[in-house]
């Protein structure tokens, strides 16, 4: 999603997920939480981080787009 060159550690991804919990669909939040329980590659962590980044500021169409991308990532 992003061309960011920063690697986001698991702890940062979990913190970002928690910070967006209030705007994410409940089932998607739970699926992301479960997804992070297993070891993930740095690429996967970075992708999820950037899908969650500023999710709360995105309009509803952008949120739906990100939801689809998250589901695709979670289903691997």
PDB file of N, CA and C in Angstrom:
ATOM      1  N   UNK A   1       0.813  -1.186   0.000  1.00  0.00           N
ATOM      2  CA  UNK A   1       0.000   0.000   0.000  1.00  0.00           C
ATOM      3  C   UNK A   1       0.856   1.249   0.000  1.00  0.00           C
ATOM      4  N   UNK A   2       1.965   1.189   0.695  1.00  0.00           N
ATOM      5  CA  UNK A   2       2.795   2.369   0.857  1.00  0.00           C
ATOM      6  C   UNK A   2       4.230   2.049   0.470  1.00  0.00           C
ATOM      7  N   UNK A   3       4.970   3.076   0.104  1.00  0.00           N
ATOM      8  CA  UNK A   3       6.372   2.881  -0.237  1.00  0.00           C
ATOM      9  C   UNK A   3       7.274   3.262   0.932  1.00  0.00           C
ATOM     10  N   UNK A   4       6.739   3.230   2.127  1.00  0.00           N
ATOM     11  CA  UNK A   4       7.493   3.553   3.328  1.00  0.00           C
ATOM     12  C   UNK A   4       8.660   2.578   3.479  1.00  0.00           C
ATOM     13  N   UNK A   5       9.801   3.108   3.839  1.00  0.00           N
ATOM     14  CA  UNK A   5      11.000   2.279   3.981  1.00  0.00           C
ATOM     15  C   UNK A   5      11.247   1.848   5.428  1.00  0.00           C
ATOM     16  N   UNK A   6      10.317   2.192   6.322  1.00  0.00           N
ATOM     17  CA  UNK A   6      10.474   1.860   7.741  1.00  0.00           C
ATOM     18  C   UNK A   6       9.846   0.501   8.010  1.00  0.00           C
ATOM     19  N   UNK A   7      10.577  -0.356   8.719  1.00  0.00           N
ATOM     20  CA  UNK A   7      10.024  -1.627   9.161  1.00  0.00           C
ATOM     21  C   UNK A   7       9.325  -1.412  10.498  1.00  0.00           C
ATOM     22  N   UNK A   8       8.083  -1.849  10.563  1.00  0.00           N
ATOM     23  CA  UNK A   8       7.280  -1.668  11.771  1.00  0.00           C
ATOM     24  C   UNK A   8       7.275  -2.959  12.577  1.00  0.00           C
ATOM     25  N   UNK A   9       7.796  -2.924  13.802  1.00  0.00           N
ATOM     26  CA  UNK A   9       7.818  -4.138  14.628  1.00  0.00           C
ATOM     27  C   UNK A   9       6.407  -4.555  15.048  1.00  0.00           C
ATOM     28  N   UNK A  10       6.269  -5.788  15.439  1.00  0.00           N
ATOM     29  CA  UNK A  10       4.994  -6.353  15.859  1.00  0.00           C
ATOM     30  C   UNK A  10       4.312  -5.476  16.911  1.00  0.00           C
ATOM     31  N   UNK A  11       5.072  -4.989  17.873  1.00  0.00           N
ATOM     32  CA  UNK A  11       4.505  -4.173  18.946  1.00  0.00           C
ATOM     33  C   UNK A  11       3.855  -2.909  18.391  1.00  0.00           C
ATOM     34  N   UNK A  12       4.475  -2.297  17.379  1.00  0.00           N
ATOM     35  CA  UNK A  12       3.912  -1.094  16.762  1.00  0.00           C
ATOM     36  C   UNK A  12       2.632  -1.407  15.998  1.00  0.00           C
ATOM     37  N   UNK A  13       2.610  -2.549  15.332  1.00  0.00           N
ATOM     38  CA  UNK A  13       1.418  -2.944  14.580  1.00  0.00           C
ATOM     39  C   UNK A  13       0.267  -3.212  15.552  1.00  0.00           C
ATOM     40  N   UNK A  14       0.558  -3.903  16.644  1.00  0.00           N
ATOM     41  CA  UNK A  14      -0.478  -4.159  17.651  1.00  0.00           C
ATOM     42  C   UNK A  14      -0.988  -2.859  18.267  1.00  0.00           C
ATOM     43  N   UNK A  15      -0.096  -1.923  18.525  1.00  0.00           N
ATOM     44  CA  UNK A  15      -0.497  -0.629  19.085  1.00  0.00           C
ATOM     45  C   UNK A  15      -1.371   0.135  18.089  1.00  0.00           C
ATOM     46  N   UNK A  16      -1.010   0.088  16.821  1.00  0.00           N
ATOM     47  CA  UNK A  16      -1.800   0.767  15.794  1.00  0.00           C
ATOM     48  C   UNK A  16      -3.179   0.125  15.687  1.00  0.00           C
ATOM     49  N   UNK A  17      -3.233  -1.196  15.736  1.00  0.00           N
ATOM     50  CA  UNK A  17      -4.510  -1.906  15.698  1.00  0.00           C
ATOM     51  C   UNK A  17      -5.387  -1.484  16.875  1.00  0.00           C
ATOM     52  N   UNK A  18      -4.817  -1.446  18.049  1.00  0.00           N
ATOM     53  CA  UNK A  18      -5.560  -1.047  19.240  1.00  0.00           C
ATOM     54  C   UNK A  18      -6.062   0.390  19.115  1.00  0.00           C
ATOM     55  N   UNK A  19      -5.241   1.262  18.566  1.00  0.00           N
ATOM     56  CA  UNK A  19      -5.638   2.666  18.439  1.00  0.00           C
ATOM     57  C   UNK A  19      -6.776   2.869  17.437  1.00  0.00           C
ATOM     58  N   UNK A  20      -6.966   1.915  16.529  1.00  0.00           N
ATOM     59  CA  UNK A  20      -8.025   2.025  15.523  1.00  0.00           C
ATOM     60  C   UNK A  20      -9.226   1.123  15.839  1.00  0.00           C
ATOM     61  N   UNK A  21      -9.182   0.464  16.973  1.00  0.00           N
ATOM     62  CA  UNK A  21     -10.233  -0.490  17.338  1.00  0.00           C
ATOM     63  C   UNK A  21     -11.623   0.148  17.316  1.00  0.00           C
ATOM     64  N   UNK A  22     -11.731   1.379  17.735  1.00  0.00           N
ATOM     65  CA  UNK A  22     -13.041   2.030  17.836  1.00  0.00           C
ATOM     66  C   UNK A  22     -13.702   2.307  16.485  1.00  0.00           C
ATOM     67  N   UNK A  23     -12.946   2.269  15.400  1.00  0.00           N
ATOM     68  CA  UNK A  23     -13.521   2.535  14.072  1.00  0.00           C
ATOM     69  C   UNK A  23     -13.528   1.314  13.158  1.00  0.00           C
ATOM     70  N   UNK A  24     -12.766   0.296  13.502  1.00  0.00           N
ATOM     71  CA  UNK A  24     -12.744  -0.926  12.689  1.00  0.00           C
ATOM     72  C   UNK A  24     -13.994  -1.764  12.949  1.00  0.00           C
ATOM     73  N   UNK A  25     -14.490  -2.450  11.913  1.00  0.00           N
ATOM     74  CA  UNK A  25     -15.564  -3.417  12.177  1.00  0.00           C
ATOM     75  C   UNK A  25     -15.074  -4.440  13.207  1.00  0.00           C
ATOM     76  N   UNK A  26     -15.941  -4.807  14.152  1.00  0.00           N
ATOM     77  CA  UNK A  26     -15.534  -5.690  15.254  1.00  0.00           C
ATOM     78  C   UNK A  26     -14.937  -7.001  14.764  1.00  0.00           C
ATOM     79  N   UNK A  27     -15.557  -7.599  13.744  1.00  0.00           N
ATOM     80  CA  UNK A  27     -15.053  -8.879  13.247  1.00  0.00           C
ATOM     81  C   UNK A  27     -13.674  -8.717  12.608  1.00  0.00           C
ATOM     82  N   UNK A  28     -13.447  -7.606  11.930  1.00  0.00           N
ATOM     83  CA  UNK A  28     -12.151  -7.368  11.300  1.00  0.00           C
ATOM     84  C   UNK A  28     -11.082  -7.111  12.360  1.00  0.00           C
ATOM     85  N   UNK A  29     -11.436  -6.372  13.393  1.00  0.00           N
ATOM     86  CA  UNK A  29     -10.498  -6.151  14.495  1.00  0.00           C
ATOM     87  C   UNK A  29     -10.079  -7.494  15.107  1.00  0.00           C
ATOM     88  N   UNK A  30     -11.056  -8.362  15.356  1.00  0.00           N
ATOM     89  CA  UNK A  30     -10.752  -9.664  15.966  1.00  0.00           C
ATOM     90  C   UNK A  30      -9.903 -10.512  15.039  1.00  0.00           C
ATOM     91  N   UNK A  31     -10.197 -10.487  13.760  1.00  0.00           N
ATOM     92  CA  UNK A  31      -9.407 -11.262  12.794  1.00  0.00           C
ATOM     93  C   UNK A  31      -7.967 -10.762  12.744  1.00  0.00           C
ATOM     94  N   UNK A  32      -7.788  -9.446  12.805  1.00  0.00           N
ATOM     95  CA  UNK A  32      -6.431  -8.885  12.811  1.00  0.00           C
ATOM     96  C   UNK A  32      -5.691  -9.285  14.081  1.00  0.00           C
ATOM     97  N   UNK A  33      -6.388  -9.242  15.202  1.00  0.00           N
ATOM     98  CA  UNK A  33      -5.789  -9.644  16.474  1.00  0.00           C
ATOM     99  C   UNK A  33      -5.334 -11.100  16.412  1.00  0.00           C
ATOM    100  N   UNK A  34      -6.204 -11.956  15.901  1.00  0.00           N
ATOM    101  CA  UNK A  34      -5.869 -13.377  15.767  1.00  0.00           C
ATOM    102  C   UNK A  34      -4.698 -13.569  14.803  1.00  0.00           C
ATOM    103  N   UNK A  35      -4.704 -12.825  13.725  1.00  0.00           N
ATOM    104  CA  UNK A  35      -3.653 -12.900  12.701  1.00  0.00           C
ATOM    105  C   UNK A  35      -2.279 -12.597  13.305  1.00  0.00           C
ATOM    106  N   UNK A  36      -2.248 -11.635  14.199  1.00  0.00           N
ATOM    107  CA  UNK A  36      -0.978 -11.225  14.804  1.00  0.00           C
ATOM    108  C   UNK A  36      -0.492 -12.173  15.899  1.00  0.00           C
ATOM    109  N   UNK A  37      -1.304 -13.153  16.247  1.00  0.00           N
ATOM    110  CA  UNK A  37      -0.891 -14.145  17.241  1.00  0.00           C
ATOM    111  C   UNK A  37       0.170 -15.095  16.679  1.00  0.00           C
ATOM    112  N   UNK A  38       0.202 -15.219  15.363  1.00  0.00           N
ATOM    113  CA  UNK A  38       1.192 -16.088  14.711  1.00  0.00           C
ATOM    114  C   UNK A  38       2.334 -15.244  14.159  1.00  0.00           C
ATOM    115  N   UNK A  39       3.458 -15.873  13.965  1.00  0.00           N
ATOM    116  CA  UNK A  39       4.613 -15.165  13.422  1.00  0.00           C
ATOM    117  C   UNK A  39       4.313 -14.680  12.010  1.00  0.00           C
ATOM    118  N   UNK A  40       4.640 -13.434  11.743  1.00  0.00           N
ATOM    119  CA  UNK A  40       4.384 -12.814  10.438  1.00  0.00           C
ATOM    120  C   UNK A  40       5.657 -12.226   9.877  1.00  0.00           C
ATOM    121  N   UNK A  41       5.741 -12.189   8.556  1.00  0.00           N
ATOM    122  CA  UNK A  41       6.918 -11.604   7.912  1.00  0.00           C
ATOM    123  C   UNK A  41       6.899 -10.087   8.092  1.00  0.00           C
ATOM    124  N   UNK A  42       8.050  -9.486   7.909  1.00  0.00           N
ATOM    125  CA  UNK A  42       8.138  -8.032   8.020  1.00  0.00           C
ATOM    126  C   UNK A  42       7.262  -7.358   6.964  1.00  0.00           C
ATOM    127  N   UNK A  43       7.185  -7.945   5.800  1.00  0.00           N
ATOM    128  CA  UNK A  43       6.347  -7.388   4.723  1.00  0.00           C
ATOM    129  C   UNK A  43       4.881  -7.368   5.150  1.00  0.00           C
ATOM    130  N   UNK A  44       4.427  -8.458   5.762  1.00  0.00           N
ATOM    131  CA  UNK A  44       3.035  -8.534   6.234  1.00  0.00           C
ATOM    132  C   UNK A  44       2.766  -7.520   7.335  1.00  0.00           C
ATOM    133  N   UNK A  45       3.706  -7.395   8.259  1.00  0.00           N
ATOM    134  CA  UNK A  45       3.543  -6.420   9.344  1.00  0.00           C
ATOM    135  C   UNK A  45       3.473  -4.994   8.800  1.00  0.00           C
ATOM    136  N   UNK A  46       4.354  -4.684   7.879  1.00  0.00           N
ATOM    137  CA  UNK A  46       4.359  -3.345   7.289  1.00  0.00           C
ATOM    138  C   UNK A  46       3.055  -3.061   6.546  1.00  0.00           C
ATOM    139  N   UNK A  47       2.584  -4.040   5.791  1.00  0.00           N
ATOM    140  CA  UNK A  47       1.343  -3.866   5.028  1.00  0.00           C
ATOM    141  C   UNK A  47       0.170  -3.598   5.964  1.00  0.00           C
ATOM    142  N   UNK A  48       0.037  -4.398   7.007  1.00  0.00           N
ATOM    143  CA  UNK A  48      -1.069  -4.212   7.943  1.00  0.00           C
ATOM    144  C   UNK A  48      -0.951  -2.863   8.644  1.00  0.00           C
ATOM    145  N   UNK A  49       0.250  -2.492   9.045  1.00  0.00           N
ATOM    146  CA  UNK A  49       0.445  -1.201   9.702  1.00  0.00           C
ATOM    147  C   UNK A  49      -0.067  -0.065   8.816  1.00  0.00           C
ATOM    148  N   UNK A  50       0.279  -0.100   7.551  1.00  0.00           N
ATOM    149  CA  UNK A  50      -0.101   0.991   6.658  1.00  0.00           C
ATOM    150  C   UNK A  50      -1.583   0.970   6.288  1.00  0.00           C
ATOM    151  N   UNK A  51      -2.196  -0.193   6.318  1.00  0.00           N
ATOM    152  CA  UNK A  51      -3.639  -0.245   6.130  1.00  0.00           C
ATOM    153  C   UNK A  51      -4.370   0.349   7.331  1.00  0.00           C
ATOM    154  N   UNK A  52      -3.787   0.198   8.509  1.00  0.00           N
ATOM    155  CA  UNK A  52      -4.392   0.727   9.732  1.00  0.00           C
ATOM    156  C   UNK A  52      -4.076   2.210   9.964  1.00  0.00           C
ATOM    157  N   UNK A  53      -2.971   2.662   9.421  1.00  0.00           N
ATOM    158  CA  UNK A  53      -2.519   4.037   9.653  1.00  0.00           C
ATOM    159  C   UNK A  53      -3.567   5.040   9.168  1.00  0.00           C
ATOM    160  N   UNK A  54      -3.983   5.914  10.061  1.00  0.00           N
ATOM    161  CA  UNK A  54      -4.969   6.965   9.779  1.00  0.00           C
ATOM    162  C   UNK A  54      -6.283   6.410   9.229  1.00  0.00           C
ATOM    163  N   UNK A  55      -6.585   5.172   9.584  1.00  0.00           N
ATOM    164  CA  UNK A  55      -7.848   4.550   9.169  1.00  0.00           C
ATOM    165  C   UNK A  55      -9.024   5.394   9.633  1.00  0.00           C
ATOM    166  N   UNK A  56      -8.924   5.913  10.844  1.00  0.00           N
ATOM    167  CA  UNK A  56     -10.007   6.712  11.413  1.00  0.00           C
ATOM    168  C   UNK A  56     -10.254   8.015  10.651  1.00  0.00           C
ATOM    169  N   UNK A  57      -9.271   8.486   9.922  1.00  0.00           N
ATOM    170  CA  UNK A  57      -9.402   9.731   9.165  1.00  0.00           C
ATOM    171  C   UNK A  57      -9.867   9.498   7.729  1.00  0.00           C
ATOM    172  N   UNK A  58      -9.884   8.254   7.302  1.00  0.00           N
ATOM    173  CA  UNK A  58     -10.285   7.919   5.929  1.00  0.00           C
ATOM    174  C   UNK A  58     -11.806   8.003   5.794  1.00  0.00           C
ATOM    175  N   UNK A  59     -12.261   8.375   4.586  1.00  0.00           N
ATOM    176  CA  UNK A  59     -13.707   8.391   4.352  1.00  0.00           C
ATOM    177  C   UNK A  59     -14.214   6.950   4.243  1.00  0.00           C
ATOM    178  N   UNK A  60     -15.517   6.790   4.250  1.00  0.00           N
ATOM    179  CA  UNK A  60     -16.092   5.442   4.295  1.00  0.00           C
ATOM    180  C   UNK A  60     -15.702   4.597   3.083  1.00  0.00           C
ATOM    181  N   UNK A  61     -15.584   5.208   1.918  1.00  0.00           N
ATOM    182  CA  UNK A  61     -15.168   4.459   0.727  1.00  0.00           C
ATOM    183  C   UNK A  61     -13.736   3.941   0.876  1.00  0.00           C
ATOM    184  N   UNK A  62     -12.855   4.779   1.394  1.00  0.00           N
ATOM    185  CA  UNK A  62     -11.465   4.367   1.617  1.00  0.00           C
ATOM    186  C   UNK A  62     -11.392   3.292   2.693  1.00  0.00           C
ATOM    187  N   UNK A  63     -12.211   3.410   3.734  1.00  0.00           N
ATOM    188  CA  UNK A  63     -12.231   2.379   4.771  1.00  0.00           C
ATOM    189  C   UNK A  63     -12.667   1.031   4.195  1.00  0.00           C
ATOM    190  N   UNK A  64     -13.682   1.040   3.341  1.00  0.00           N
ATOM    191  CA  UNK A  64     -14.122  -0.210   2.709  1.00  0.00           C
ATOM    192  C   UNK A  64     -13.020  -0.810   1.852  1.00  0.00           C
ATOM    193  N   UNK A  65     -12.308   0.032   1.131  1.00  0.00           N
ATOM    194  CA  UNK A  65     -11.186  -0.416   0.310  1.00  0.00           C
ATOM    195  C   UNK A  65     -10.105  -1.052   1.180  1.00  0.00           C
ATOM    196  N   UNK A  66      -9.779  -0.391   2.280  1.00  0.00           N
ATOM    197  CA  UNK A  66      -8.774  -0.939   3.202  1.00  0.00           C
ATOM    198  C   UNK A  66      -9.260  -2.237   3.840  1.00  0.00           C
ATOM    199  N   UNK A  67     -10.547  -2.297   4.174  1.00  0.00           N
ATOM    200  CA  UNK A  67     -11.102  -3.527   4.750  1.00  0.00           C
ATOM    201  C   UNK A  67     -10.875  -4.701   3.806  1.00  0.00           C
ATOM    202  N   UNK A  68     -11.151  -4.491   2.532  1.00  0.00           N
ATOM    203  CA  UNK A  68     -10.958  -5.547   1.533  1.00  0.00           C
ATOM    204  C   UNK A  68      -9.499  -5.972   1.456  1.00  0.00           C
ATOM    205  N   UNK A  69      -8.592  -4.991   1.500  1.00  0.00           N
ATOM    206  CA  UNK A  69      -7.165  -5.305   1.441  1.00  0.00           C
ATOM    207  C   UNK A  69      -6.720  -6.054   2.696  1.00  0.00           C
ATOM    208  N   UNK A  70      -7.274  -5.669   3.846  1.00  0.00           N
ATOM    209  CA  UNK A  70      -6.930  -6.376   5.086  1.00  0.00           C
ATOM    210  C   UNK A  70      -7.416  -7.822   5.029  1.00  0.00           C
ATOM    211  N   UNK A  71      -8.633  -8.023   4.564  1.00  0.00           N
ATOM    212  CA  UNK A  71      -9.171  -9.379   4.462  1.00  0.00           C
ATOM    213  C   UNK A  71      -8.308 -10.219   3.530  1.00  0.00           C
ATOM    214  N   UNK A  72      -7.908  -9.637   2.417  1.00  0.00           N
ATOM    215  CA  UNK A  72      -7.035 -10.352   1.477  1.00  0.00           C
ATOM    216  C   UNK A  72      -5.712 -10.731   2.147  1.00  0.00           C
ATOM    217  N   UNK A  73      -5.139  -9.799   2.903  1.00  0.00           N
ATOM    218  CA  UNK A  73      -3.890 -10.067   3.620  1.00  0.00           C
ATOM    219  C   UNK A  73      -4.097 -11.166   4.665  1.00  0.00           C
ATOM    220  N   UNK A  74      -5.175 -11.083   5.418  1.00  0.00           N
ATOM    221  CA  UNK A  74      -5.447 -12.054   6.476  1.00  0.00           C
ATOM    222  C   UNK A  74      -5.677 -13.457   5.930  1.00  0.00           C
ATOM    223  N   UNK A  75      -6.251 -13.521   4.751  1.00  0.00           N
ATOM    224  CA  UNK A  75      -6.527 -14.827   4.144  1.00  0.00           C
ATOM    225  C   UNK A  75      -5.321 -15.380   3.398  1.00  0.00           C
ATOM    226  N   UNK A  76      -4.298 -14.519   3.283  1.00  0.00           N
ATOM    227  CA  UNK A  76      -3.008 -14.885   2.740  1.00  0.00           C
ATOM    228  C   UNK A  76      -2.993 -15.538   1.428  1.00  0.00           C
TER     229      UNK A  76
END
